[in-house]
């Protein structure tokens, strides 16, 4: 049995996926149905780190975005799978690189659309700059069916146009700062009033009931049931709750920004934000 686990946005994963599927098609009596596990960015990052701990040895230097297994034993990346397929089964893949790029883009688009349609989930993005230099975006999947008020607040503050219940002014994360950076811990921001973590407001007012969600921009806690005005993004995510779709490298860039008492010494800002339509 061939198992393929990898980053669904990388063509290397789709090379391995197509190879595994082709072997089953060509030799139906010799192969079980392949196990194909496409992962979004942060999920793949977590999976790879766990496999490195589990397998040790040379796997510590593993840099590919796909892992291929034969009967549960790690073979390697898509190149190793192709070599093995040719050596053992005389299978060759002649698909051009451009085709795999197109397959990848189509697969990713359909993945996002299906996730959005089937689960009533919403995607939002934050474009980040460090010292006024753009470093990329964070793309989140909001689990609106599980945390409707928390997710609606975050969505509204990303899109702008929401009004403060207190004074009627517009509420938005755009141009707000990250005020706390803890490497291998979390990145905290979303204070849209002072930018220092001691102020802020939700679309429901200063506080509202909400639940913390790992991997999702969550509501800071004031006691057990009240959500504060701050928000955070967890970097050391629980492996079972991964909602960051894109932006691992952006988080890593933020984590190494110089700090003083966990406050960044240079401006780390959300320069744009909104809903993302797959």
C-alpha atoms as a PDB file:
ATOM      1  CA  UNK A   1       0.000   0.000   0.000  1.00  0.00           C
ATOM      2  CA  UNK A   2       1.250   3.457  -0.912  1.00  0.00           C
ATOM      3  CA  UNK A   3       0.578   6.352   1.452  1.00  0.00           C
ATOM      4  CA  UNK A   4       1.156   9.958   0.429  1.00  0.00           C
ATOM      5  CA  UNK A   5       1.024  12.805   2.959  1.00  0.00           C
ATOM      6  CA  UNK A   6       1.935  16.327   1.982  1.00  0.00           C
ATOM      7  CA  UNK A   7       1.282  19.989   1.454  1.00  0.00           C
ATOM      8  CA  UNK A   8      -1.693  20.279  -0.862  1.00  0.00           C
ATOM      9  CA  UNK A   9      -0.426  23.557  -2.362  1.00  0.00           C
ATOM     10  CA  UNK A  10       2.847  22.041  -3.566  1.00  0.00           C
ATOM     11  CA  UNK A  11       3.140  20.311  -6.979  1.00  0.00           C
ATOM     12  CA  UNK A  12       5.452  17.717  -5.390  1.00  0.00           C
ATOM     13  CA  UNK A  13       2.491  16.368  -3.419  1.00  0.00           C
ATOM     14  CA  UNK A  14       0.463  16.011  -6.608  1.00  0.00           C
ATOM     15  CA  UNK A  15       3.301  14.214  -8.408  1.00  0.00           C
ATOM     16  CA  UNK A  16       3.326  11.652  -5.592  1.00  0.00           C
ATOM     17  CA  UNK A  17      -0.479  11.499  -5.486  1.00  0.00           C
ATOM     18  CA  UNK A  18      -0.754  10.863  -9.232  1.00  0.00           C
ATOM     19  CA  UNK A  19       1.999   8.236  -9.070  1.00  0.00           C
ATOM     20  CA  UNK A  20       0.274   6.341  -6.268  1.00  0.00           C
ATOM     21  CA  UNK A  21      -3.050   6.465  -8.090  1.00  0.00           C
ATOM     22  CA  UNK A  22      -1.453   5.369 -11.380  1.00  0.00           C
ATOM     23  CA  UNK A  23       0.154   2.328  -9.747  1.00  0.00           C
ATOM     24  CA  UNK A  24      -3.198   1.218  -8.384  1.00  0.00           C
ATOM     25  CA  UNK A  25      -4.816   1.749 -11.802  1.00  0.00           C
ATOM     26  CA  UNK A  26      -2.071  -0.121 -13.668  1.00  0.00           C
ATOM     27  CA  UNK A  27      -1.722  -2.963 -11.154  1.00  0.00           C
ATOM     28  CA  UNK A  28      -5.137  -3.251  -9.469  1.00  0.00           C
ATOM     29  CA  UNK A  29      -4.472  -6.690  -8.014  1.00  0.00           C
ATOM     30  CA  UNK A  30      -1.052  -5.748  -6.619  1.00  0.00           C
ATOM     31  CA  UNK A  31      -1.903  -2.512  -4.838  1.00  0.00           C
ATOM     32  CA  UNK A  32      -4.496  -1.539  -2.259  1.00  0.00           C
ATOM     33  CA  UNK A  33      -6.211   1.797  -2.711  1.00  0.00           C
ATOM     34  CA  UNK A  34      -3.592   4.452  -1.945  1.00  0.00           C
ATOM     35  CA  UNK A  35      -3.982   6.531   1.201  1.00  0.00           C
ATOM     36  CA  UNK A  36      -3.801  10.194   0.175  1.00  0.00           C
ATOM     37  CA  UNK A  37      -3.630  12.840   2.898  1.00  0.00           C
ATOM     38  CA  UNK A  38      -3.540  16.444   1.657  1.00  0.00           C
ATOM     39  CA  UNK A  39      -2.689  18.959   4.393  1.00  0.00           C
ATOM     40  CA  UNK A  40      -2.901  22.728   4.595  1.00  0.00           C
ATOM     41  CA  UNK A  41       0.236  24.647   5.447  1.00  0.00           C
ATOM     42  CA  UNK A  42       0.281  24.631   9.220  1.00  0.00           C
ATOM     43  CA  UNK A  43      -1.085  21.077   9.415  1.00  0.00           C
ATOM     44  CA  UNK A  44       1.800  19.888   7.223  1.00  0.00           C
ATOM     45  CA  UNK A  45       4.311  21.783   9.339  1.00  0.00           C
ATOM     46  CA  UNK A  46       3.001  20.102  12.499  1.00  0.00           C
ATOM     47  CA  UNK A  47       2.880  16.673  10.831  1.00  0.00           C
ATOM     48  CA  UNK A  48       6.479  16.982   9.631  1.00  0.00           C
ATOM     49  CA  UNK A  49       7.735  18.005  13.065  1.00  0.00           C
ATOM     50  CA  UNK A  50       5.988  15.037  14.683  1.00  0.00           C
ATOM     51  CA  UNK A  51       7.408  12.623  12.094  1.00  0.00           C
ATOM     52  CA  UNK A  52      10.895  13.984  12.650  1.00  0.00           C
ATOM     53  CA  UNK A  53      10.556  13.271  16.367  1.00  0.00           C
ATOM     54  CA  UNK A  54       9.137   9.823  15.691  1.00  0.00           C
ATOM     55  CA  UNK A  55      11.578   8.671  13.005  1.00  0.00           C
ATOM     56  CA  UNK A  56      14.698  10.629  14.029  1.00  0.00           C
ATOM     57  CA  UNK A  57      17.944   9.873  12.198  1.00  0.00           C
ATOM     58  CA  UNK A  58      18.273  11.388   8.741  1.00  0.00           C
ATOM     59  CA  UNK A  59      14.660  12.546   8.813  1.00  0.00           C
ATOM     60  CA  UNK A  60      15.748  15.552  10.928  1.00  0.00           C
ATOM     61  CA  UNK A  61      17.055  17.133   7.714  1.00  0.00           C
ATOM     62  CA  UNK A  62      13.923  16.283   5.695  1.00  0.00           C
ATOM     63  CA  UNK A  63      13.036  19.348   3.636  1.00  0.00           C
ATOM     64  CA  UNK A  64      10.477  18.142   1.097  1.00  0.00           C
ATOM     65  CA  UNK A  65       6.769  18.997   1.268  1.00  0.00           C
ATOM     66  CA  UNK A  66       5.600  15.404   0.798  1.00  0.00           C
ATOM     67  CA  UNK A  67       6.261  12.079   2.519  1.00  0.00           C
ATOM     68  CA  UNK A  68       5.675   8.762   0.736  1.00  0.00           C
ATOM     69  CA  UNK A  69       5.335   5.453   2.573  1.00  0.00           C
ATOM     70  CA  UNK A  70       5.324   1.873   1.275  1.00  0.00           C
ATOM     71  CA  UNK A  71       3.459  -0.469   3.621  1.00  0.00           C
ATOM     72  CA  UNK A  72       3.978   2.002   6.445  1.00  0.00           C
ATOM     73  CA  UNK A  73       7.719   2.468   5.892  1.00  0.00           C
ATOM     74  CA  UNK A  74       8.989   5.899   4.876  1.00  0.00           C
ATOM     75  CA  UNK A  75      10.358   5.843   1.340  1.00  0.00           C
ATOM     76  CA  UNK A  76      11.016   9.548   0.880  1.00  0.00           C
ATOM     77  CA  UNK A  77       9.705  12.356  -1.288  1.00  0.00           C
ATOM     78  CA  UNK A  78       8.023  12.244  -4.702  1.00  0.00           C
ATOM     79  CA  UNK A  79      11.381  11.709  -6.464  1.00  0.00           C
ATOM     80  CA  UNK A  80      12.074   8.615  -4.374  1.00  0.00           C
ATOM     81  CA  UNK A  81       8.585   7.315  -5.110  1.00  0.00           C
ATOM     82  CA  UNK A  82       9.151   7.774  -8.842  1.00  0.00           C
ATOM     83  CA  UNK A  83      12.505   5.966  -8.652  1.00  0.00           C
ATOM     84  CA  UNK A  84      10.947   3.101  -6.726  1.00  0.00           C
ATOM     85  CA  UNK A  85       8.010   2.881  -9.148  1.00  0.00           C
ATOM     86  CA  UNK A  86      10.342   2.696 -12.134  1.00  0.00           C
ATOM     87  CA  UNK A  87      12.704   0.182 -10.521  1.00  0.00           C
ATOM     88  CA  UNK A  88      10.060  -2.133  -9.093  1.00  0.00           C
ATOM     89  CA  UNK A  89       7.146  -1.693 -11.488  1.00  0.00           C
ATOM     90  CA  UNK A  90       8.600  -0.141 -14.636  1.00  0.00           C
ATOM     91  CA  UNK A  91       6.318   2.878 -14.225  1.00  0.00           C
ATOM     92  CA  UNK A  92       7.358   6.257 -15.589  1.00  0.00           C
ATOM     93  CA  UNK A  93       5.640   9.597 -15.354  1.00  0.00           C
ATOM     94  CA  UNK A  94       5.846  11.872 -18.401  1.00  0.00           C
ATOM     95  CA  UNK A  95       3.488  14.643 -17.281  1.00  0.00           C
ATOM     96  CA  UNK A  96       5.058  18.116 -17.730  1.00  0.00           C
ATOM     97  CA  UNK A  97       5.769  20.394 -14.793  1.00  0.00           C
ATOM     98  CA  UNK A  98       3.261  22.962 -16.074  1.00  0.00           C
ATOM     99  CA  UNK A  99       0.475  20.385 -15.895  1.00  0.00           C
ATOM    100  CA  UNK A 100       1.259  19.596 -12.269  1.00  0.00           C
ATOM    101  CA  UNK A 101       1.240  23.305 -11.487  1.00  0.00           C
ATOM    102  CA  UNK A 102      -2.230  23.594 -13.020  1.00  0.00           C
ATOM    103  CA  UNK A 103      -3.415  20.472 -11.152  1.00  0.00           C
ATOM    104  CA  UNK A 104      -2.129  21.961  -7.898  1.00  0.00           C
ATOM    105  CA  UNK A 105      -3.876  25.297  -8.353  1.00  0.00           C
ATOM    106  CA  UNK A 106      -7.144  23.621  -9.313  1.00  0.00           C
ATOM    107  CA  UNK A 107      -6.983  21.210  -6.361  1.00  0.00           C
ATOM    108  CA  UNK A 108      -6.289  24.012  -3.874  1.00  0.00           C
ATOM    109  CA  UNK A 109      -9.113  26.168  -5.221  1.00  0.00           C
ATOM    110  CA  UNK A 110     -11.576  23.288  -5.034  1.00  0.00           C
ATOM    111  CA  UNK A 111     -10.409  22.413  -1.526  1.00  0.00           C
ATOM    112  CA  UNK A 112     -11.139  25.920  -0.272  1.00  0.00           C
ATOM    113  CA  UNK A 113     -14.482  26.120  -2.071  1.00  0.00           C
ATOM    114  CA  UNK A 114     -15.617  22.739  -0.763  1.00  0.00           C
ATOM    115  CA  UNK A 115     -14.552  23.594   2.765  1.00  0.00           C
ATOM    116  CA  UNK A 116     -16.420  26.861   2.606  1.00  0.00           C
ATOM    117  CA  UNK A 117     -19.563  25.377   1.053  1.00  0.00           C
ATOM    118  CA  UNK A 118     -19.904  22.209   3.116  1.00  0.00           C
ATOM    119  CA  UNK A 119     -19.106  23.637   6.536  1.00  0.00           C
ATOM    120  CA  UNK A 120     -20.365  27.221   6.229  1.00  0.00           C
ATOM    121  CA  UNK A 121     -16.822  28.312   7.044  1.00  0.00           C
ATOM    122  CA  UNK A 122     -15.459  31.728   6.158  1.00  0.00           C
ATOM    123  CA  UNK A 123     -11.900  32.537   5.068  1.00  0.00           C
ATOM    124  CA  UNK A 124     -10.237  35.787   6.111  1.00  0.00           C
ATOM    125  CA  UNK A 125      -6.744  37.147   5.510  1.00  0.00           C
ATOM    126  CA  UNK A 126      -4.320  39.525   7.194  1.00  0.00           C
ATOM    127  CA  UNK A 127      -1.510  41.097   5.154  1.00  0.00           C
ATOM    128  CA  UNK A 128       1.470  41.759   7.398  1.00  0.00           C
ATOM    129  CA  UNK A 129       4.341  44.253   7.213  1.00  0.00           C
ATOM    130  CA  UNK A 130       7.427  44.511   9.414  1.00  0.00           C
ATOM    131  CA  UNK A 131       9.008  47.963   9.448  1.00  0.00           C
ATOM    132  CA  UNK A 132       6.666  48.913   6.577  1.00  0.00           C
ATOM    133  CA  UNK A 133       8.006  46.040   4.427  1.00  0.00           C
ATOM    134  CA  UNK A 134       5.348  43.486   3.342  1.00  0.00           C
ATOM    135  CA  UNK A 135       6.206  39.945   4.473  1.00  0.00           C
ATOM    136  CA  UNK A 136       3.124  38.045   3.293  1.00  0.00           C
ATOM    137  CA  UNK A 137      -0.343  37.115   4.460  1.00  0.00           C
ATOM    138  CA  UNK A 138      -2.031  34.930   7.041  1.00  0.00           C
ATOM    139  CA  UNK A 139      -5.078  33.082   5.737  1.00  0.00           C
ATOM    140  CA  UNK A 140      -7.503  31.682   8.304  1.00  0.00           C
ATOM    141  CA  UNK A 141     -10.476  29.386   8.103  1.00  0.00           C
ATOM    142  CA  UNK A 142     -13.077  30.571  10.611  1.00  0.00           C
ATOM    143  CA  UNK A 143     -15.174  27.792  12.127  1.00  0.00           C
ATOM    144  CA  UNK A 144     -18.346  29.840  12.270  1.00  0.00           C
ATOM    145  CA  UNK A 145     -20.473  26.783  13.025  1.00  0.00           C
ATOM    146  CA  UNK A 146     -18.529  26.149  16.251  1.00  0.00           C
ATOM    147  CA  UNK A 147     -17.829  29.691  17.488  1.00  0.00           C
ATOM    148  CA  UNK A 148     -20.325  31.944  15.693  1.00  0.00           C
ATOM    149  CA  UNK A 149     -19.936  35.116  17.769  1.00  0.00           C
ATOM    150  CA  UNK A 150     -16.146  34.915  17.999  1.00  0.00           C
ATOM    151  CA  UNK A 151     -15.818  34.266  14.277  1.00  0.00           C
ATOM    152  CA  UNK A 152     -18.311  36.939  13.273  1.00  0.00           C
ATOM    153  CA  UNK A 153     -16.434  39.484  15.357  1.00  0.00           C
ATOM    154  CA  UNK A 154     -13.132  38.574  13.712  1.00  0.00           C
ATOM    155  CA  UNK A 155     -14.663  38.544  10.227  1.00  0.00           C
ATOM    156  CA  UNK A 156     -16.297  41.945  10.757  1.00  0.00           C
ATOM    157  CA  UNK A 157     -13.070  43.495  12.037  1.00  0.00           C
ATOM    158  CA  UNK A 158     -11.218  42.107   9.020  1.00  0.00           C
ATOM    159  CA  UNK A 159     -13.696  43.428   6.469  1.00  0.00           C
ATOM    160  CA  UNK A 160     -14.220  46.815   8.101  1.00  0.00           C
ATOM    161  CA  UNK A 161     -17.479  48.708   8.099  1.00  0.00           C
ATOM    162  CA  UNK A 162     -18.486  47.502  11.561  1.00  0.00           C
ATOM    163  CA  UNK A 163     -19.466  50.289  13.945  1.00  0.00           C
ATOM    164  CA  UNK A 164     -18.588  50.669  17.596  1.00  0.00           C
ATOM    165  CA  UNK A 165     -21.659  50.146  19.804  1.00  0.00           C
ATOM    166  CA  UNK A 166     -20.157  52.761  22.102  1.00  0.00           C
ATOM    167  CA  UNK A 167     -19.395  55.731  19.865  1.00  0.00           C
ATOM    168  CA  UNK A 168     -20.297  54.681  16.302  1.00  0.00           C
ATOM    169  CA  UNK A 169     -16.792  54.838  14.863  1.00  0.00           C
ATOM    170  CA  UNK A 170     -15.591  52.231  12.346  1.00  0.00           C
ATOM    171  CA  UNK A 171     -13.855  49.170  13.761  1.00  0.00           C
ATOM    172  CA  UNK A 172     -11.151  47.434  11.717  1.00  0.00           C
ATOM    173  CA  UNK A 173      -7.915  45.551  12.169  1.00  0.00           C
ATOM    174  CA  UNK A 174      -6.370  47.397   9.221  1.00  0.00           C
ATOM    175  CA  UNK A 175      -3.296  49.380  10.310  1.00  0.00           C
ATOM    176  CA  UNK A 176      -3.382  47.868  13.814  1.00  0.00           C
ATOM    177  CA  UNK A 177      -0.175  46.643  15.457  1.00  0.00           C
ATOM    178  CA  UNK A 178       0.988  43.408  17.043  1.00  0.00           C
ATOM    179  CA  UNK A 179       1.934  44.362  20.581  1.00  0.00           C
ATOM    180  CA  UNK A 180       3.342  41.087  21.946  1.00  0.00           C
ATOM    181  CA  UNK A 181       5.586  38.463  20.330  1.00  0.00           C
ATOM    182  CA  UNK A 182       6.618  35.282  22.136  1.00  0.00           C
ATOM    183  CA  UNK A 183       8.730  32.830  20.146  1.00  0.00           C
ATOM    184  CA  UNK A 184       7.248  29.310  20.167  1.00  0.00           C
ATOM    185  CA  UNK A 185       4.364  30.778  22.128  1.00  0.00           C
ATOM    186  CA  UNK A 186       2.042  33.280  20.539  1.00  0.00           C
ATOM    187  CA  UNK A 187       1.662  36.514  18.671  1.00  0.00           C
ATOM    188  CA  UNK A 188      -0.795  38.971  20.157  1.00  0.00           C
ATOM    189  CA  UNK A 189      -2.494  41.865  18.467  1.00  0.00           C
ATOM    190  CA  UNK A 190      -5.861  43.283  17.524  1.00  0.00           C
ATOM    191  CA  UNK A 191      -5.964  46.183  19.980  1.00  0.00           C
ATOM    192  CA  UNK A 192      -7.594  48.618  17.576  1.00  0.00           C
ATOM    193  CA  UNK A 193      -7.694  51.530  20.029  1.00  0.00           C
ATOM    194  CA  UNK A 194      -4.319  51.961  21.737  1.00  0.00           C
ATOM    195  CA  UNK A 195      -2.266  49.301  19.931  1.00  0.00           C
ATOM    196  CA  UNK A 196      -0.591  48.417  23.226  1.00  0.00           C
ATOM    197  CA  UNK A 197      -2.773  45.589  24.438  1.00  0.00           C
ATOM    198  CA  UNK A 198      -4.569  47.627  27.108  1.00  0.00           C
ATOM    199  CA  UNK A 199      -7.490  48.718  24.982  1.00  0.00           C
ATOM    200  CA  UNK A 200      -9.666  47.617  22.128  1.00  0.00           C
ATOM    201  CA  UNK A 201     -13.226  46.817  21.295  1.00  0.00           C
ATOM    202  CA  UNK A 202     -15.332  44.120  19.663  1.00  0.00           C
ATOM    203  CA  UNK A 203     -18.392  44.651  17.472  1.00  0.00           C
ATOM    204  CA  UNK A 204     -20.448  43.679  20.541  1.00  0.00           C
ATOM    205  CA  UNK A 205     -18.806  46.164  22.873  1.00  0.00           C
ATOM    206  CA  UNK A 206     -15.797  46.032  25.241  1.00  0.00           C
ATOM    207  CA  UNK A 207     -16.368  42.336  26.108  1.00  0.00           C
ATOM    208  CA  UNK A 208     -18.490  39.435  24.945  1.00  0.00           C
ATOM    209  CA  UNK A 209     -18.895  35.761  25.672  1.00  0.00           C
ATOM    210  CA  UNK A 210     -16.673  33.598  23.495  1.00  0.00           C
ATOM    211  CA  UNK A 211     -14.457  30.532  23.424  1.00  0.00           C
ATOM    212  CA  UNK A 212     -10.742  30.297  22.801  1.00  0.00           C
ATOM    213  CA  UNK A 213      -9.854  28.281  19.672  1.00  0.00           C
ATOM    214  CA  UNK A 214      -6.293  27.176  18.998  1.00  0.00           C
ATOM    215  CA  UNK A 215      -5.108  27.850  15.480  1.00  0.00           C
ATOM    216  CA  UNK A 216      -7.756  30.514  15.093  1.00  0.00           C
ATOM    217  CA  UNK A 217      -7.543  34.162  16.057  1.00  0.00           C
ATOM    218  CA  UNK A 218      -9.187  33.806  19.474  1.00  0.00           C
ATOM    219  CA  UNK A 219     -10.686  36.018  22.114  1.00  0.00           C
ATOM    220  CA  UNK A 220      -8.494  36.958  25.035  1.00  0.00           C
ATOM    221  CA  UNK A 221      -9.880  35.827  28.372  1.00  0.00           C
ATOM    222  CA  UNK A 222     -11.190  37.913  31.256  1.00  0.00           C
ATOM    223  CA  UNK A 223     -12.262  35.244  33.686  1.00  0.00           C
ATOM    224  CA  UNK A 224     -13.844  32.082  32.341  1.00  0.00           C
ATOM    225  CA  UNK A 225     -16.760  33.335  30.275  1.00  0.00           C
ATOM    226  CA  UNK A 226     -16.057  36.877  29.171  1.00  0.00           C
ATOM    227  CA  UNK A 227     -14.066  37.590  26.020  1.00  0.00           C
ATOM    228  CA  UNK A 228     -11.714  40.547  26.261  1.00  0.00           C
ATOM    229  CA  UNK A 229     -10.980  43.098  23.564  1.00  0.00           C
ATOM    230  CA  UNK A 230      -7.581  41.682  22.702  1.00  0.00           C
ATOM    231  CA  UNK A 231      -6.963  38.925  20.195  1.00  0.00           C
ATOM    232  CA  UNK A 232      -4.161  36.491  19.631  1.00  0.00           C
ATOM    233  CA  UNK A 233      -2.786  34.083  17.101  1.00  0.00           C
ATOM    234  CA  UNK A 234      -1.294  30.949  18.601  1.00  0.00           C
ATOM    235  CA  UNK A 235       1.991  29.781  17.038  1.00  0.00           C
ATOM    236  CA  UNK A 236       2.449  26.539  18.977  1.00  0.00           C
ATOM    237  CA  UNK A 237      -0.882  25.129  17.788  1.00  0.00           C
ATOM    238  CA  UNK A 238      -2.572  22.004  19.067  1.00  0.00           C
ATOM    239  CA  UNK A 239      -2.084  19.370  16.313  1.00  0.00           C
ATOM    240  CA  UNK A 240      -5.791  18.495  16.363  1.00  0.00           C
ATOM    241  CA  UNK A 241      -6.999  22.054  15.740  1.00  0.00           C
ATOM    242  CA  UNK A 242      -5.311  23.629  12.724  1.00  0.00           C
ATOM    243  CA  UNK A 243      -7.097  26.517  11.117  1.00  0.00           C
ATOM    244  CA  UNK A 244      -4.183  28.523   9.710  1.00  0.00           C
ATOM    245  CA  UNK A 245      -4.367  27.769   5.983  1.00  0.00           C
ATOM    246  CA  UNK A 246      -1.430  29.910   4.813  1.00  0.00           C
ATOM    247  CA  UNK A 247       1.251  31.926   6.529  1.00  0.00           C
ATOM    248  CA  UNK A 248       3.653  29.681   8.440  1.00  0.00           C
ATOM    249  CA  UNK A 249       6.644  31.612   7.092  1.00  0.00           C
ATOM    250  CA  UNK A 250       4.995  34.914   8.048  1.00  0.00           C
ATOM    251  CA  UNK A 251       4.551  33.686  11.629  1.00  0.00           C
ATOM    252  CA  UNK A 252       8.186  32.610  11.684  1.00  0.00           C
ATOM    253  CA  UNK A 253       9.252  36.063  10.470  1.00  0.00           C
ATOM    254  CA  UNK A 254       7.210  37.685  13.228  1.00  0.00           C
ATOM    255  CA  UNK A 255       8.561  35.356  15.895  1.00  0.00           C
ATOM    256  CA  UNK A 256      12.165  36.477  15.330  1.00  0.00           C
ATOM    257  CA  UNK A 257      11.462  40.216  15.408  1.00  0.00           C
ATOM    258  CA  UNK A 258      13.572  41.853  18.168  1.00  0.00           C
ATOM    259  CA  UNK A 259      11.575  42.470  21.348  1.00  0.00           C
ATOM    260  CA  UNK A 260      11.899  44.209  24.690  1.00  0.00           C
ATOM    261  CA  UNK A 261       9.795  42.671  27.449  1.00  0.00           C
ATOM    262  CA  UNK A 262       8.016  40.719  24.694  1.00  0.00           C
ATOM    263  CA  UNK A 263       7.047  43.928  22.889  1.00  0.00           C
ATOM    264  CA  UNK A 264       8.397  44.298  19.335  1.00  0.00           C
ATOM    265  CA  UNK A 265      10.986  47.043  18.990  1.00  0.00           C
ATOM    266  CA  UNK A 266       9.908  47.685  15.374  1.00  0.00           C
ATOM    267  CA  UNK A 267       6.430  48.125  13.949  1.00  0.00           C
ATOM    268  CA  UNK A 268       4.664  44.860  13.033  1.00  0.00           C
ATOM    269  CA  UNK A 269       1.435  45.876  11.388  1.00  0.00           C
ATOM    270  CA  UNK A 270      -1.656  44.498   9.660  1.00  0.00           C
ATOM    271  CA  UNK A 271      -1.587  46.625   6.500  1.00  0.00           C
ATOM    272  CA  UNK A 272      -4.658  45.072   4.898  1.00  0.00           C
ATOM    273  CA  UNK A 273      -7.306  42.508   5.720  1.00  0.00           C
ATOM    274  CA  UNK A 274     -10.629  41.153   4.528  1.00  0.00           C
ATOM    275  CA  UNK A 275     -12.562  38.075   3.497  1.00  0.00           C
ATOM    276  CA  UNK A 276     -10.990  35.670   1.052  1.00  0.00           C
ATOM    277  CA  UNK A 277     -13.095  34.189  -1.724  1.00  0.00           C
ATOM    278  CA  UNK A 278     -11.657  30.931  -3.087  1.00  0.00           C
END
